[in-house]
Amino acid sequence: MKVDFELLLKPKTNDEDLCQLFWKSFENNREISQLEQTNTLACTFPEDNPLQFKTIIRKSDNILHCRLKAMVDVHWRKAYFYDKFRARISGILSQYFEVTQYSADLSAYYAKKCYSTLLDYETNLRKIFYFIYHFYDVTAATDERKKQTLNDYVEDLDLSQLEKFLFAKDWLAVGDSYEFCGISKNRNLYEKLQKLTEKIEFRSLWEINIKPLLPRHDIDEEVITKIRNVRNKVAHHKEMSFKDLQFCRNEVRTYANRFHEIQAELLERKFYQNTKVSTVALQGLLEMSKQFQKAVEAYTKTIPVHNAILLGEIIAKAMNSITIPRIDISKTIAPTMAEIANSHAERISKIMQNTTISQIGVLGNDEQESSSENDEEDKE
């Protein structure tokens, strides 16, 4: 990569020729100096391939426009040497000039590198917003929406507003529920707090709705703030550094992936349209009932008849009362999955009671008839 720089230089005094004053600035400097009898600035860094810049100077009455054209390719992982040059050149020239960094090529390069990662980060965060909006009552926190479509409303939110919606502790614990109490909007908050008898507790939507479901996904609010700062640099074309690029490639990418995993897991928990899991469970229980039936039949053949009859009656009575309990999982998974589970629970109960029990009942009757015949023979 090569990065050019442009400078506007206004002299602090008008006593000398501006071009001569420019080159004079680099005399006796150990890091950046003029190559002898050329218009080239040479650096001592990086050591393996020092930066060099061809200098093109244009002069107005009392202003210099300097273009420093890069002559050496640098690997992007060493782009921080351009940061160093940008800082050093300003420091060196500032002894004689008021220095203005006129171009932003380096910042533009960093911004372009960061853009796709920041896009993933913000897009996944907005998807989580959509998810929360549809599955939880957040009407009080979105009263500014009015007649906008949800997409238009969310698109109008900047990143700081979006993060405030998710992470600001604006929800007051009232009994077993939470009430929105945005401090900036709730003028009666102080009176409301005075009336509370329990401990005052504020939480964010994230803490209320997301963290209980997915506790392994920790969110560091300081990192969130830093991400927003870098994002604002990109969005508003501010000066950027190699540290911003590193932060984006590491922390921002980590959080973008984390938010993607979170919204994907939330969708899995809320939308169980595939009944494969419950079907497999049902088949397993049916097979278990068949194996149980075979075990009972095999066992009754090895014990005396009277004991077998008694055992059959005990088992029959026990099986008749079997009921697979209903499963209350609506809070942790999804209403749809809960309905599937409870529906199969009822079906399995009937199967266990009717199909299996009727077979055990036949076994008991056969043994009873055989026993009765034996009793009559004994009497004779």
Protein backbone atom coordinates (compact mmCIF):
# COMPACT_ATOMS: atom_id res chain seq x y z
CA MET A 1 0.00 0.00 0.00
CA LYS A 2 1.01 3.60 -0.64
CA VAL A 3 -0.49 6.65 1.06
CA ASP A 4 0.05 10.24 -0.07
CA PHE A 5 -0.26 13.29 2.16
CA GLU A 6 -1.18 16.89 1.47
CA LEU A 7 -0.35 19.79 3.79
CA LEU A 8 -1.29 23.45 3.98
CA LEU A 9 1.45 25.46 5.69
CA LYS A 10 1.05 28.97 6.99
CA PRO A 11 4.32 30.56 8.22
CA LYS A 12 4.49 31.90 11.73
CA THR A 13 6.70 34.75 10.46
CA ASN A 14 7.18 36.30 7.02
CA ASP A 15 10.91 36.92 7.32
CA GLU A 16 12.13 34.09 5.02
CA ASP A 17 11.38 32.48 1.69
CA LEU A 18 8.66 29.89 2.35
CA CYS A 19 10.20 27.09 0.27
CA GLN A 20 13.59 27.52 1.91
CA LEU A 21 11.85 27.59 5.30
CA PHE A 22 10.16 24.29 4.46
CA TRP A 23 13.46 22.49 3.75
CA LYS A 24 15.14 24.21 6.67
CA SER A 25 12.66 22.46 8.99
CA PHE A 26 14.29 19.10 8.26
CA GLU A 27 17.89 20.11 8.84
CA ASN A 28 19.54 18.09 11.60
CA ASN A 29 16.45 15.88 12.00
CA ARG A 30 17.34 12.23 12.55
CA GLU A 31 14.02 10.64 11.52
CA ILE A 32 12.99 12.60 8.40
CA SER A 33 15.43 14.43 6.20
CA GLN A 34 15.91 15.72 2.65
CA LEU A 35 17.85 13.50 0.31
CA GLU A 36 20.80 15.53 -0.93
CA GLN A 37 20.10 17.59 -4.05
CA THR A 38 16.59 16.16 -4.48
CA ASN A 39 13.05 17.12 -3.55
CA THR A 40 12.60 13.81 -1.71
CA LEU A 41 11.96 13.34 1.99
CA ALA A 42 13.48 10.13 3.38
CA CYS A 43 12.58 8.48 6.70
CA THR A 44 14.60 6.15 8.88
CA PHE A 45 11.56 3.90 9.45
CA PRO A 46 10.73 1.12 8.95
CA GLU A 47 14.28 -0.17 9.07
CA ASP A 48 13.84 -2.87 6.42
CA ASN A 49 12.17 -0.56 3.88
CA PRO A 50 12.28 3.14 4.87
CA LEU A 51 9.51 5.44 3.67
CA GLN A 52 10.28 8.02 1.00
CA PHE A 53 8.09 10.82 -0.33
CA LYS A 54 8.48 12.93 -3.44
CA THR A 55 7.67 16.50 -2.44
CA ILE A 56 5.69 18.80 -4.73
CA ILE A 57 5.37 22.35 -3.41
CA ARG A 58 3.06 25.07 -4.69
CA LYS A 59 3.16 28.57 -3.30
CA SER A 60 0.55 31.26 -2.78
CA ASP A 61 1.28 34.70 -1.34
CA ASN A 62 1.89 33.40 2.18
CA ILE A 63 0.66 29.78 2.06
CA LEU A 64 2.39 26.60 0.93
CA HIS A 65 0.55 23.61 -0.49
CA CYS A 66 2.72 20.50 -0.17
CA ARG A 67 1.96 17.13 -1.67
CA LEU A 68 4.03 14.27 -0.32
CA LYS A 69 3.75 11.40 -2.80
CA ALA A 70 4.66 7.95 -1.42
CA MET A 71 7.42 6.15 -3.31
CA VAL A 72 7.65 2.95 -1.23
CA ASP A 73 5.14 0.11 -0.88
CA VAL A 74 4.30 -0.88 2.70
CA HIS A 75 2.41 -4.01 3.80
CA TRP A 76 -0.88 -3.07 5.41
CA ARG A 77 0.19 -4.72 8.67
CA LYS A 78 2.89 -2.05 8.88
CA ALA A 79 0.55 0.82 8.06
CA TYR A 80 1.22 2.23 11.54
CA PHE A 81 4.47 3.65 10.10
CA TYR A 82 2.28 6.02 8.10
CA ASP A 83 0.67 7.05 11.40
CA LYS A 84 4.14 7.74 12.71
CA PHE A 85 5.06 9.78 9.63
CA ARG A 86 1.84 11.80 9.86
CA ALA A 87 2.59 12.71 13.45
CA ARG A 88 6.31 13.40 12.91
CA ILE A 89 5.89 15.59 9.82
CA SER A 90 3.43 17.81 11.66
CA GLY A 91 5.73 18.06 14.65
CA ILE A 92 8.79 18.94 12.57
CA LEU A 93 7.08 21.59 10.44
CA SER A 94 5.23 23.15 13.37
CA GLN A 95 8.42 24.92 14.51
CA TYR A 96 8.02 27.34 11.56
CA PHE A 97 4.48 26.77 10.26
CA GLU A 98 0.90 26.37 11.31
CA VAL A 99 0.33 22.89 9.88
CA THR A 100 -2.98 21.68 8.44
CA GLN A 101 -3.37 18.06 7.33
CA TYR A 102 -5.23 18.74 4.07
CA SER A 103 -5.74 15.18 2.81
CA ALA A 104 -7.32 12.18 4.54
CA ASP A 105 -6.08 9.29 2.39
CA LEU A 106 -4.76 7.31 5.36
CA SER A 107 -7.98 7.66 7.35
CA ALA A 108 -9.98 6.73 4.24
CA TYR A 109 -7.91 3.56 3.89
CA TYR A 110 -8.57 2.57 7.51
CA ALA A 111 -12.27 3.41 7.21
CA LYS A 112 -12.63 1.24 4.11
CA LYS A 113 -10.96 -1.66 5.92
CA CYS A 114 -13.29 -1.26 8.92
CA TYR A 115 -16.55 -0.70 7.06
CA SER A 116 -17.68 -4.29 6.44
CA THR A 117 -17.01 -5.33 10.05
CA LEU A 118 -18.90 -2.34 11.44
CA LEU A 119 -21.75 -3.07 9.02
CA ASP A 120 -22.02 -6.64 10.34
CA TYR A 121 -21.91 -5.38 13.91
CA GLU A 122 -24.67 -2.82 13.51
CA THR A 123 -26.84 -5.03 11.29
CA ASN A 124 -26.82 -7.87 13.84
CA LEU A 125 -27.58 -5.43 16.65
CA ARG A 126 -30.59 -4.11 14.71
CA LYS A 127 -31.80 -7.69 14.17
CA ILE A 128 -31.76 -8.21 17.93
CA PHE A 129 -33.79 -5.00 18.26
CA TYR A 130 -36.39 -6.39 15.83
CA PHE A 131 -36.48 -9.64 17.79
CA ILE A 132 -37.06 -7.93 21.14
CA TYR A 133 -39.70 -5.65 19.67
CA HIS A 134 -41.77 -8.56 18.36
CA PHE A 135 -41.50 -10.90 21.35
CA TYR A 136 -41.59 -8.50 24.30
CA ASP A 137 -43.76 -5.54 25.23
CA VAL A 138 -41.55 -2.51 24.67
CA THR A 139 -44.27 -0.11 23.55
CA ALA A 140 -43.48 2.35 26.34
CA ALA A 141 -39.87 2.64 25.19
CA THR A 142 -40.80 3.19 21.53
CA ASP A 143 -43.60 5.72 21.86
CA GLU A 144 -41.82 7.99 19.37
CA ARG A 145 -42.48 5.49 16.60
CA LYS A 146 -46.00 6.86 15.96
CA LYS A 147 -47.22 5.69 12.52
CA GLN A 148 -43.83 4.70 11.12
CA THR A 149 -43.22 1.16 9.97
CA LEU A 150 -40.87 -0.69 12.26
CA ASN A 151 -38.17 -0.75 9.58
CA ASP A 152 -38.40 3.01 9.05
CA TYR A 153 -38.35 3.63 12.78
CA VAL A 154 -35.26 1.49 13.34
CA GLU A 155 -33.48 2.92 10.31
CA ASP A 156 -33.95 6.40 11.76
CA LEU A 157 -32.18 5.38 14.98
CA ASP A 158 -28.48 6.09 15.09
CA LEU A 159 -26.19 3.60 16.79
CA SER A 160 -26.16 5.44 20.13
CA GLN A 161 -29.98 5.42 20.26
CA LEU A 162 -30.05 1.74 19.35
CA GLU A 163 -27.54 0.90 22.08
CA LYS A 164 -29.45 3.03 24.59
CA PHE A 165 -32.62 1.09 23.82
CA LEU A 166 -30.86 -2.24 24.47
CA PHE A 167 -28.35 -1.44 27.20
CA ALA A 168 -29.60 1.60 29.16
CA LYS A 169 -30.96 0.71 32.61
CA ASP A 170 -34.34 2.36 32.00
CA TRP A 171 -36.61 -0.42 33.31
CA LEU A 172 -37.73 -0.37 36.94
CA ALA A 173 -38.52 -3.64 38.74
CA VAL A 174 -42.12 -3.49 39.99
CA GLY A 175 -43.12 -6.77 41.61
CA ASP A 176 -42.52 -9.58 39.12
CA SER A 177 -42.44 -7.29 36.09
CA TYR A 178 -40.58 -4.26 34.78
CA GLU A 179 -41.87 -0.81 33.94
CA PHE A 180 -40.20 1.59 31.54
CA CYS A 181 -38.93 4.65 33.40
CA GLY A 182 -36.67 6.51 31.00
CA ILE A 183 -35.35 9.29 33.23
CA SER A 184 -35.42 11.86 30.45
CA LYS A 185 -39.08 11.11 29.70
CA ASN A 186 -40.54 10.25 33.10
CA ARG A 187 -41.17 13.40 35.12
CA ASN A 188 -42.97 11.50 37.87
CA LEU A 189 -40.16 9.03 38.46
CA TYR A 190 -39.14 10.50 41.83
CA GLU A 191 -42.68 10.22 43.19
CA LYS A 192 -42.93 6.68 41.85
CA LEU A 193 -39.71 5.66 43.57
CA GLN A 194 -40.89 7.12 46.88
CA LYS A 195 -43.93 4.85 46.84
CA LEU A 196 -41.95 1.65 46.33
CA THR A 197 -41.52 -0.55 49.40
CA GLU A 198 -39.14 -3.09 47.84
CA LYS A 199 -35.54 -2.54 46.81
CA ILE A 200 -35.20 -0.15 43.88
CA GLU A 201 -33.72 -1.96 40.91
CA PHE A 202 -33.18 -0.72 37.36
CA ARG A 203 -32.27 -3.02 34.50
CA SER A 204 -31.80 -2.86 30.77
CA LEU A 205 -33.83 -4.72 28.16
CA TRP A 206 -30.75 -6.80 27.53
CA GLU A 207 -30.54 -7.86 31.19
CA ILE A 208 -34.27 -8.57 31.35
CA ASN A 209 -34.86 -10.47 28.12
CA ILE A 210 -31.58 -11.63 26.57
CA LYS A 211 -29.17 -12.40 29.39
CA PRO A 212 -31.50 -14.89 31.21
CA LEU A 213 -31.85 -16.88 27.97
CA LEU A 214 -28.21 -16.69 26.90
CA PRO A 215 -26.10 -16.09 30.02
CA ARG A 216 -22.87 -17.24 28.35
CA HIS A 217 -22.84 -14.17 26.10
CA ASP A 218 -21.30 -11.42 28.24
CA ILE A 219 -21.44 -7.84 27.03
CA ASP A 220 -18.87 -5.28 28.15
CA GLU A 221 -20.46 -1.83 27.96
CA GLU A 222 -17.05 -0.13 27.80
CA VAL A 223 -16.26 -2.08 24.65
CA ILE A 224 -19.67 -1.13 23.24
CA THR A 225 -18.82 2.55 23.81
CA LYS A 226 -15.43 2.18 22.11
CA ILE A 227 -17.06 0.46 19.14
CA ARG A 228 -19.49 3.34 18.78
CA ASN A 229 -16.59 5.83 18.81
CA VAL A 230 -14.79 3.97 16.01
CA ARG A 231 -18.02 3.64 14.07
CA ASN A 232 -18.61 7.38 14.35
CA LYS A 233 -15.12 8.04 13.00
CA VAL A 234 -15.96 5.96 9.94
CA ALA A 235 -19.46 7.39 9.51
CA HIS A 236 -18.37 11.02 9.91
CA HIS A 237 -15.04 10.72 8.09
CA LYS A 238 -12.91 11.55 11.12
CA GLU A 239 -9.18 10.97 11.41
CA MET A 240 -8.41 7.31 12.05
CA SER A 241 -5.33 5.40 13.12
CA PHE A 242 -3.90 1.91 12.81
CA LYS A 243 -5.09 1.25 16.39
CA ASP A 244 -8.66 1.83 15.20
CA LEU A 245 -8.13 -0.75 12.46
CA GLN A 246 -6.71 -3.27 14.94
CA PHE A 247 -9.61 -2.67 17.33
CA CYS A 248 -12.06 -3.20 14.50
CA ARG A 249 -10.43 -6.42 13.32
CA ASN A 250 -10.39 -7.81 16.86
CA GLU A 251 -13.01 -6.50 19.32
CA VAL A 252 -15.57 -5.26 16.78
CA ARG A 253 -15.36 -8.50 14.79
CA THR A 254 -15.74 -10.50 18.00
CA TYR A 255 -18.89 -8.59 18.98
CA ALA A 256 -20.30 -8.70 15.46
CA ASN A 257 -19.96 -12.50 15.51
CA ARG A 258 -21.36 -12.65 19.05
CA PHE A 259 -24.45 -10.64 18.10
CA HIS A 260 -24.90 -12.87 15.06
CA GLU A 261 -24.79 -15.96 17.29
CA ILE A 262 -27.20 -14.36 19.76
CA GLN A 263 -29.85 -13.43 17.20
CA ALA A 264 -29.49 -16.86 15.57
CA GLU A 265 -29.93 -18.63 18.93
CA LEU A 266 -32.91 -16.44 19.81
CA LEU A 267 -34.59 -17.34 16.53
CA GLU A 268 -33.95 -21.04 17.19
CA ARG A 269 -35.54 -20.73 20.61
CA LYS A 270 -38.59 -18.82 19.39
CA PHE A 271 -39.29 -20.66 16.14
CA TYR A 272 -39.42 -24.46 16.49
CA GLN A 273 -41.25 -25.27 13.26
CA ASN A 274 -39.31 -28.48 12.77
CA THR A 275 -40.83 -31.21 14.98
CA LYS A 276 -38.02 -33.67 14.32
CA VAL A 277 -36.74 -33.52 17.90
CA SER A 278 -40.14 -34.18 19.45
CA THR A 279 -40.89 -36.93 16.89
CA VAL A 280 -37.66 -38.73 17.76
CA ALA A 281 -38.55 -38.47 21.45
CA LEU A 282 -41.98 -39.97 20.78
CA GLN A 283 -40.52 -42.87 18.81
CA GLY A 284 -38.07 -43.51 21.62
CA LEU A 285 -40.83 -43.68 24.22
CA LEU A 286 -42.91 -46.00 22.04
CA GLU A 287 -39.96 -48.33 21.66
CA MET A 288 -39.40 -48.16 25.41
CA SER A 289 -43.01 -49.22 26.06
CA LYS A 290 -42.59 -52.22 23.72
CA GLN A 291 -39.43 -53.31 25.49
CA PHE A 292 -41.16 -52.91 28.83
CA GLN A 293 -44.02 -55.12 27.64
CA LYS A 294 -41.59 -57.84 26.53
CA ALA A 295 -39.76 -57.64 29.85
CA VAL A 296 -43.01 -58.07 31.79
CA GLU A 297 -44.02 -61.09 29.67
CA ALA A 298 -40.62 -62.72 30.08
CA TYR A 299 -40.61 -62.13 33.82
CA THR A 300 -44.10 -63.53 34.42
CA LYS A 301 -43.06 -66.83 32.79
CA THR A 302 -40.38 -67.37 35.39
CA ILE A 303 -42.51 -66.98 38.53
CA PRO A 304 -45.42 -69.00 40.01
CA VAL A 305 -48.83 -68.45 38.47
CA HIS A 306 -50.45 -66.81 41.51
CA ASN A 307 -47.55 -64.37 41.84
CA ALA A 308 -47.66 -63.61 38.12
CA ILE A 309 -51.39 -62.82 38.35
CA LEU A 310 -50.78 -60.54 41.30
CA LEU A 311 -47.85 -58.87 39.55
CA GLY A 312 -49.91 -58.35 36.41
CA GLU A 313 -52.69 -56.69 38.39
CA ILE A 314 -50.23 -54.39 40.16
CA ILE A 315 -48.55 -53.42 36.91
CA ALA A 316 -51.88 -52.93 35.15
CA LYS A 317 -53.13 -50.62 37.88
CA ALA A 318 -49.87 -48.68 37.84
CA MET A 319 -49.85 -48.34 34.06
CA ASN A 320 -53.48 -47.19 34.02
CA SER A 321 -52.55 -44.21 36.15
CA ILE A 322 -49.51 -43.21 34.07
CA THR A 323 -49.66 -39.64 32.81
CA ILE A 324 -46.75 -37.93 31.08
CA PRO A 325 -46.64 -34.51 32.78
CA ARG A 326 -47.25 -31.34 30.83
CA ILE A 327 -44.07 -29.39 30.27
CA ASP A 328 -44.00 -25.72 31.18
CA ILE A 329 -41.26 -24.44 28.87
CA SER A 330 -42.90 -21.41 27.30
CA LYS A 331 -40.58 -19.02 29.13
CA THR A 332 -37.35 -20.78 28.18
CA ILE A 333 -38.01 -22.03 24.69
CA ALA A 334 -41.16 -21.14 22.76
CA PRO A 335 -44.93 -21.44 22.98
CA THR A 336 -44.93 -23.48 19.77
CA MET A 337 -42.47 -26.02 21.17
CA ALA A 338 -44.42 -26.17 24.44
CA GLU A 339 -47.61 -27.06 22.56
CA ILE A 340 -45.77 -29.78 20.63
CA ALA A 341 -44.30 -31.23 23.81
CA ASN A 342 -47.62 -31.22 25.68
CA SER A 343 -49.47 -32.68 22.71
CA HIS A 344 -47.02 -35.58 22.55
CA ALA A 345 -47.22 -35.98 26.34
CA GLU A 346 -50.97 -36.60 26.06
CA ARG A 347 -50.51 -38.99 23.15
CA ILE A 348 -47.80 -40.97 24.93
CA SER A 349 -49.95 -41.20 28.07
CA LYS A 350 -52.83 -42.71 26.11
CA ILE A 351 -50.52 -45.14 24.33
CA MET A 352 -49.00 -46.25 27.61
CA GLN A 353 -52.45 -46.62 29.20
CA ASN A 354 -54.35 -48.24 26.35
CA THR A 355 -52.01 -50.15 24.04
CA THR A 356 -49.63 -51.55 26.63
CA ILE A 357 -52.16 -52.01 29.39
CA SER A 358 -54.59 -53.93 27.21
CA GLN A 359 -51.85 -56.44 26.44
CA ILE A 360 -50.99 -56.78 30.11
CA GLY A 361 -54.67 -57.16 30.85
CA VAL A 362 -54.94 -60.08 28.39
CA LEU A 363 -51.95 -61.69 30.01
CA GLY A 364 -53.57 -61.38 33.41
CA ASN A 365 -56.90 -62.84 32.18
CA ASP A 366 -55.19 -65.85 30.57
CA GLU A 367 -53.39 -66.57 33.78
CA GLN A 368 -56.63 -66.15 35.77
CA GLU A 369 -58.50 -68.61 33.52
CA SER A 370 -55.66 -71.11 33.85
CA SER A 371 -55.65 -70.61 37.60
CA SER A 372 -59.40 -71.13 37.85
CA GLU A 373 -59.19 -74.41 35.97
CA ASN A 374 -56.45 -75.60 38.32
CA ASP A 375 -58.54 -74.67 41.35
CA GLU A 376 -61.51 -76.67 40.05
CA GLU A 377 -59.28 -79.70 39.46
CA ASP A 378 -57.98 -79.41 43.04
CA LYS A 379 -61.54 -79.36 44.38
CA GLU A 380 -62.38 -82.53 42.45
